[in-house]
Amino acid sequence: ILQDEEVRQGLKTFSNWPTYPQLYAGGELLGGCDIVLEMAAGGELKAALEEATAAAMPEEDINARLAKLVKSSKVVLFMKGDRGEPRCGFSRKVVEALDDTGVEYSTFDILQDEEVRQGLKTFSNWPTYPQLYAGGELLGGCDIVLEMAAGGELKAALGA
């Protein structure tokens, strides 16, 4: 703050705190010198810092989470709804095609997890649902799965 007067004054305005030092945790002002010393003496500072650190760190990087999800079963269908109750016609058609193969598969309802719903589009570079994975690899969406089923290729592609 001694190097940049604009930052120094701007931070005072932003925080509505006129003096330095200013301690921030998790993007929130905890206070200045006196408050921080009081928190430390009262045993509150460590808990406040741990809470802010835990809140600031995502439980798991979305790409790492998606990498685990696509490999959570040998065959995984990311769809709207679940195999017992598909919530769109495209998902229903893929469920029917998979059921016809007799291959075991699991489903993930993207309507229940917005982070997965949005993140998987980027992760897979595939913009629509359903998305079918076998052995952790994307096979495709509804049209591709139905073409594979019609051509007798789906069961083999699923590793059966």
C-alpha atoms as a PDB file:
ATOM      1  CA  ILE A   1       0.000   0.000   0.000  1.00  0.00           C
ATOM      2  CA  LEU A   2       2.995   2.318   0.412  1.00  0.00           C
ATOM      3  CA  GLN A   3       3.865   1.833  -3.249  1.00  0.00           C
ATOM      4  CA  ASP A   4       0.471   2.811  -4.688  1.00  0.00           C
ATOM      5  CA  GLU A   5      -1.436   5.789  -3.280  1.00  0.00           C
ATOM      6  CA  GLU A   6      -4.517   5.019  -5.419  1.00  0.00           C
ATOM      7  CA  VAL A   7      -4.778   1.504  -3.967  1.00  0.00           C
ATOM      8  CA  ARG A   8      -4.122   2.837  -0.481  1.00  0.00           C
ATOM      9  CA  GLN A   9      -6.952   5.377  -0.642  1.00  0.00           C
ATOM     10  CA  GLY A  10      -9.247   3.089  -2.605  1.00  0.00           C
ATOM     11  CA  LEU A  11      -8.969   0.320  -0.030  1.00  0.00           C
ATOM     12  CA  LYS A  12      -9.850   2.757   2.749  1.00  0.00           C
ATOM     13  CA  THR A  13     -12.989   3.732   0.843  1.00  0.00           C
ATOM     14  CA  PHE A  14     -13.841   0.154  -0.108  1.00  0.00           C
ATOM     15  CA  SER A  15     -13.495  -1.150   3.444  1.00  0.00           C
ATOM     16  CA  ASN A  16     -14.840   1.944   5.174  1.00  0.00           C
ATOM     17  CA  TRP A  17     -11.818   1.517   7.469  1.00  0.00           C
ATOM     18  CA  PRO A  18      -9.504   4.526   7.795  1.00  0.00           C
ATOM     19  CA  THR A  19      -6.270   2.919   8.980  1.00  0.00           C
ATOM     20  CA  TYR A  20      -3.785   0.178   8.226  1.00  0.00           C
ATOM     21  CA  PRO A  21      -3.113  -2.665   8.631  1.00  0.00           C
ATOM     22  CA  GLN A  22      -6.376  -4.210   7.457  1.00  0.00           C
ATOM     23  CA  LEU A  23      -6.791  -7.966   7.695  1.00  0.00           C
ATOM     24  CA  TYR A  24      -9.011  -9.653   5.118  1.00  0.00           C
ATOM     25  CA  ALA A  25     -10.055 -13.294   5.160  1.00  0.00           C
ATOM     26  CA  GLY A  26     -12.258 -14.847   2.512  1.00  0.00           C
ATOM     27  CA  GLY A  27     -12.651 -11.430   0.903  1.00  0.00           C
ATOM     28  CA  GLU A  28     -14.115  -9.919   4.070  1.00  0.00           C
ATOM     29  CA  LEU A  29     -12.518  -7.334   6.338  1.00  0.00           C
ATOM     30  CA  LEU A  30     -11.907  -8.765   9.797  1.00  0.00           C
ATOM     31  CA  GLY A  31     -10.569  -5.481  11.118  1.00  0.00           C
ATOM     32  CA  GLY A  32      -7.534  -3.386  11.846  1.00  0.00           C
ATOM     33  CA  CYS A  33      -4.729  -3.834  14.329  1.00  0.00           C
ATOM     34  CA  ASP A  34      -6.751  -3.418  17.542  1.00  0.00           C
ATOM     35  CA  ILE A  35      -9.566  -5.742  16.451  1.00  0.00           C
ATOM     36  CA  VAL A  36      -7.186  -8.403  15.181  1.00  0.00           C
ATOM     37  CA  LEU A  37      -5.234  -8.296  18.457  1.00  0.00           C
ATOM     38  CA  GLU A  38      -8.485  -8.569  20.439  1.00  0.00           C
ATOM     39  CA  MET A  39      -9.600 -11.529  18.314  1.00  0.00           C
ATOM     40  CA  ALA A  40      -6.245 -13.217  18.850  1.00  0.00           C
ATOM     41  CA  ALA A  41      -6.351 -12.633  22.601  1.00  0.00           C
ATOM     42  CA  GLY A  42      -9.922 -13.943  22.775  1.00  0.00           C
ATOM     43  CA  GLY A  43      -9.108 -17.046  20.727  1.00  0.00           C
ATOM     44  CA  GLU A  44     -11.390 -15.976  17.859  1.00  0.00           C
ATOM     45  CA  LEU A  45      -8.791 -15.152  15.209  1.00  0.00           C
ATOM     46  CA  LYS A  46      -7.721 -18.704  14.413  1.00  0.00           C
ATOM     47  CA  ALA A  47     -11.334 -19.869  14.015  1.00  0.00           C
ATOM     48  CA  ALA A  48     -12.193 -16.888  11.797  1.00  0.00           C
ATOM     49  CA  LEU A  49      -9.189 -17.538   9.561  1.00  0.00           C
ATOM     50  CA  GLU A  50      -9.888 -21.274   9.335  1.00  0.00           C
ATOM     51  CA  GLU A  51     -13.541 -20.633   8.491  1.00  0.00           C
ATOM     52  CA  ALA A  52     -12.644 -18.121   5.784  1.00  0.00           C
ATOM     53  CA  THR A  53     -10.016 -20.443   4.318  1.00  0.00           C
ATOM     54  CA  ALA A  54     -12.397 -23.398   4.222  1.00  0.00           C
ATOM     55  CA  ALA A  55     -15.129 -21.308   2.591  1.00  0.00           C
ATOM     56  CA  ALA A  56     -12.745 -19.883  -0.007  1.00  0.00           C
ATOM     57  CA  MET A  57     -11.467 -23.268  -1.147  1.00  0.00           C
ATOM     58  CA  PRO A  58     -13.832 -25.300  -3.334  1.00  0.00           C
ATOM     59  CA  GLU A  59     -14.474 -28.771  -1.997  1.00  0.00           C
ATOM     60  CA  GLU A  60     -13.140 -30.194  -5.189  1.00  0.00           C
ATOM     61  CA  ASP A  61     -12.109 -28.779  -8.532  1.00  0.00           C
ATOM     62  CA  ILE A  62     -15.019 -29.304 -10.947  1.00  0.00           C
ATOM     63  CA  ASN A  63     -12.828 -30.969 -13.572  1.00  0.00           C
ATOM     64  CA  ALA A  64     -11.469 -33.443 -11.027  1.00  0.00           C
ATOM     65  CA  ARG A  65     -15.025 -34.112  -9.885  1.00  0.00           C
ATOM     66  CA  LEU A  66     -16.217 -34.670 -13.456  1.00  0.00           C
ATOM     67  CA  ALA A  67     -13.276 -36.948 -14.220  1.00  0.00           C
ATOM     68  CA  LYS A  68     -14.342 -39.097 -11.264  1.00  0.00           C
ATOM     69  CA  LEU A  69     -18.022 -39.017 -12.224  1.00  0.00           C
ATOM     70  CA  VAL A  70     -17.498 -40.164 -15.816  1.00  0.00           C
ATOM     71  CA  LYS A  71     -15.527 -43.129 -14.440  1.00  0.00           C
ATOM     72  CA  SER A  72     -17.867 -43.844 -11.515  1.00  0.00           C
ATOM     73  CA  SER A  73     -19.355 -46.808 -13.432  1.00  0.00           C
ATOM     74  CA  LYS A  74     -18.270 -48.672 -16.523  1.00  0.00           C
ATOM     75  CA  VAL A  75     -21.149 -46.980 -18.390  1.00  0.00           C
ATOM     76  CA  VAL A  76     -22.620 -43.682 -17.190  1.00  0.00           C
ATOM     77  CA  LEU A  77     -25.448 -41.702 -18.762  1.00  0.00           C
ATOM     78  CA  PHE A  78     -25.678 -38.027 -17.831  1.00  0.00           C
ATOM     79  CA  MET A  79     -29.303 -37.169 -18.471  1.00  0.00           C
ATOM     80  CA  LYS A  80     -32.332 -35.190 -17.420  1.00  0.00           C
ATOM     81  CA  GLY A  81     -34.034 -37.358 -14.830  1.00  0.00           C
ATOM     82  CA  ASP A  82     -33.016 -40.952 -14.170  1.00  0.00           C
ATOM     83  CA  ARG A  83     -33.476 -44.284 -15.915  1.00  0.00           C
ATOM     84  CA  GLY A  84     -36.752 -44.886 -14.106  1.00  0.00           C
ATOM     85  CA  GLU A  85     -38.137 -41.464 -14.923  1.00  0.00           C
ATOM     86  CA  PRO A  86     -36.447 -39.682 -17.846  1.00  0.00           C
ATOM     87  CA  ARG A  87     -37.417 -36.010 -17.903  1.00  0.00           C
ATOM     88  CA  CYS A  88     -36.999 -35.392 -21.641  1.00  0.00           C
ATOM     89  CA  GLY A  89     -37.596 -37.325 -24.843  1.00  0.00           C
ATOM     90  CA  PHE A  90     -33.923 -37.484 -25.802  1.00  0.00           C
ATOM     91  CA  SER A  91     -32.991 -38.986 -22.441  1.00  0.00           C
ATOM     92  CA  ARG A  92     -35.887 -41.451 -22.711  1.00  0.00           C
ATOM     93  CA  LYS A  93     -34.696 -42.629 -26.152  1.00  0.00           C
ATOM     94  CA  VAL A  94     -31.144 -43.218 -24.928  1.00  0.00           C
ATOM     95  CA  VAL A  95     -32.400 -45.093 -21.849  1.00  0.00           C
ATOM     96  CA  GLU A  96     -34.483 -47.339 -24.130  1.00  0.00           C
ATOM     97  CA  ALA A  97     -31.470 -47.975 -26.392  1.00  0.00           C
ATOM     98  CA  LEU A  98     -29.281 -48.818 -23.400  1.00  0.00           C
ATOM     99  CA  ASP A  99     -31.924 -51.058 -21.856  1.00  0.00           C
ATOM    100  CA  ASP A 100     -32.163 -52.951 -25.166  1.00  0.00           C
ATOM    101  CA  THR A 101     -28.440 -53.823 -24.922  1.00  0.00           C
ATOM    102  CA  GLY A 102     -28.829 -55.461 -21.509  1.00  0.00           C
ATOM    103  CA  VAL A 103     -25.608 -53.748 -20.399  1.00  0.00           C
ATOM    104  CA  GLU A 104     -25.491 -52.427 -16.830  1.00  0.00           C
ATOM    105  CA  TYR A 105     -25.233 -48.677 -16.566  1.00  0.00           C
ATOM    106  CA  SER A 106     -25.733 -45.888 -14.097  1.00  0.00           C
ATOM    107  CA  THR A 107     -27.342 -42.509 -14.581  1.00  0.00           C
ATOM    108  CA  PHE A 108     -26.632 -39.044 -13.255  1.00  0.00           C
ATOM    109  CA  ASP A 109     -29.492 -36.538 -13.134  1.00  0.00           C
ATOM    110  CA  ILE A 110     -28.002 -33.255 -14.319  1.00  0.00           C
ATOM    111  CA  LEU A 111     -31.113 -31.393 -13.194  1.00  0.00           C
ATOM    112  CA  GLN A 112     -30.086 -32.061  -9.599  1.00  0.00           C
ATOM    113  CA  ASP A 113     -26.585 -30.529  -9.895  1.00  0.00           C
ATOM    114  CA  GLU A 114     -26.139 -27.289 -11.837  1.00  0.00           C
ATOM    115  CA  GLU A 115     -22.355 -27.335 -11.421  1.00  0.00           C
ATOM    116  CA  VAL A 116     -22.151 -30.723 -13.144  1.00  0.00           C
ATOM    117  CA  ARG A 117     -24.744 -29.719 -15.723  1.00  0.00           C
ATOM    118  CA  GLN A 118     -22.736 -26.691 -16.843  1.00  0.00           C
ATOM    119  CA  GLY A 119     -19.251 -28.063 -16.198  1.00  0.00           C
ATOM    120  CA  LEU A 120     -19.713 -31.280 -18.159  1.00  0.00           C
ATOM    121  CA  LYS A 121     -20.508 -29.311 -21.323  1.00  0.00           C
ATOM    122  CA  THR A 122     -17.040 -27.769 -21.180  1.00  0.00           C
ATOM    123  CA  PHE A 123     -15.321 -30.914 -19.884  1.00  0.00           C
ATOM    124  CA  SER A 124     -16.672 -33.020 -22.747  1.00  0.00           C
ATOM    125  CA  ASN A 125     -16.772 -30.275 -25.373  1.00  0.00           C
ATOM    126  CA  TRP A 126     -20.331 -31.489 -26.007  1.00  0.00           C
ATOM    127  CA  PRO A 127     -23.064 -28.859 -25.578  1.00  0.00           C
ATOM    128  CA  THR A 128     -26.189 -30.989 -25.105  1.00  0.00           C
ATOM    129  CA  TYR A 129     -27.671 -33.757 -22.986  1.00  0.00           C
ATOM    130  CA  PRO A 130     -27.879 -36.679 -22.658  1.00  0.00           C
ATOM    131  CA  GLN A 131     -24.194 -37.622 -22.736  1.00  0.00           C
ATOM    132  CA  LEU A 132     -23.130 -41.273 -22.639  1.00  0.00           C
ATOM    133  CA  TYR A 133     -19.744 -42.355 -21.278  1.00  0.00           C
ATOM    134  CA  ALA A 134     -18.181 -45.810 -21.442  1.00  0.00           C
ATOM    135  CA  GLY A 135     -14.885 -46.504 -19.713  1.00  0.00           C
ATOM    136  CA  GLY A 136     -14.631 -42.811 -18.873  1.00  0.00           C
ATOM    137  CA  GLU A 137     -14.812 -41.771 -22.540  1.00  0.00           C
ATOM    138  CA  LEU A 138     -17.628 -39.845 -24.194  1.00  0.00           C
ATOM    139  CA  LEU A 139     -19.460 -41.934 -26.788  1.00  0.00           C
ATOM    140  CA  GLY A 140     -21.866 -39.159 -27.722  1.00  0.00           C
ATOM    141  CA  GLY A 141     -25.341 -37.809 -27.344  1.00  0.00           C
ATOM    142  CA  CYS A 142     -28.771 -39.004 -28.384  1.00  0.00           C
ATOM    143  CA  ASP A 143     -28.255 -39.019 -32.154  1.00  0.00           C
ATOM    144  CA  ILE A 144     -24.944 -40.894 -32.018  1.00  0.00           C
ATOM    145  CA  VAL A 145     -26.212 -43.422 -29.491  1.00  0.00           C
ATOM    146  CA  LEU A 146     -29.338 -44.091 -31.568  1.00  0.00           C
ATOM    147  CA  GLU A 147     -27.244 -44.462 -34.742  1.00  0.00           C
ATOM    148  CA  MET A 148     -24.951 -46.919 -32.956  1.00  0.00           C
ATOM    149  CA  ALA A 149     -27.962 -48.862 -31.667  1.00  0.00           C
ATOM    150  CA  ALA A 150     -29.569 -48.985 -35.124  1.00  0.00           C
ATOM    151  CA  GLY A 151     -26.284 -50.181 -36.629  1.00  0.00           C
ATOM    152  CA  GLY A 152     -25.811 -52.874 -33.992  1.00  0.00           C
ATOM    153  CA  GLU A 153     -22.656 -51.196 -32.673  1.00  0.00           C
ATOM    154  CA  LEU A 154     -23.843 -49.865 -29.300  1.00  0.00           C
ATOM    155  CA  LYS A 155     -23.384 -52.997 -27.190  1.00  0.00           C
ATOM    156  CA  ALA A 156     -19.807 -53.471 -28.407  1.00  0.00           C
ATOM    157  CA  ALA A 157     -19.012 -49.777 -27.866  1.00  0.00           C
ATOM    158  CA  LEU A 158     -20.158 -50.152 -24.270  1.00  0.00           C
ATOM    159  CA  GLY A 159     -17.549 -52.833 -23.757  1.00  0.00           C
ATOM    160  CA  ALA A 160     -19.984 -55.745 -23.640  1.00  0.00           C
END
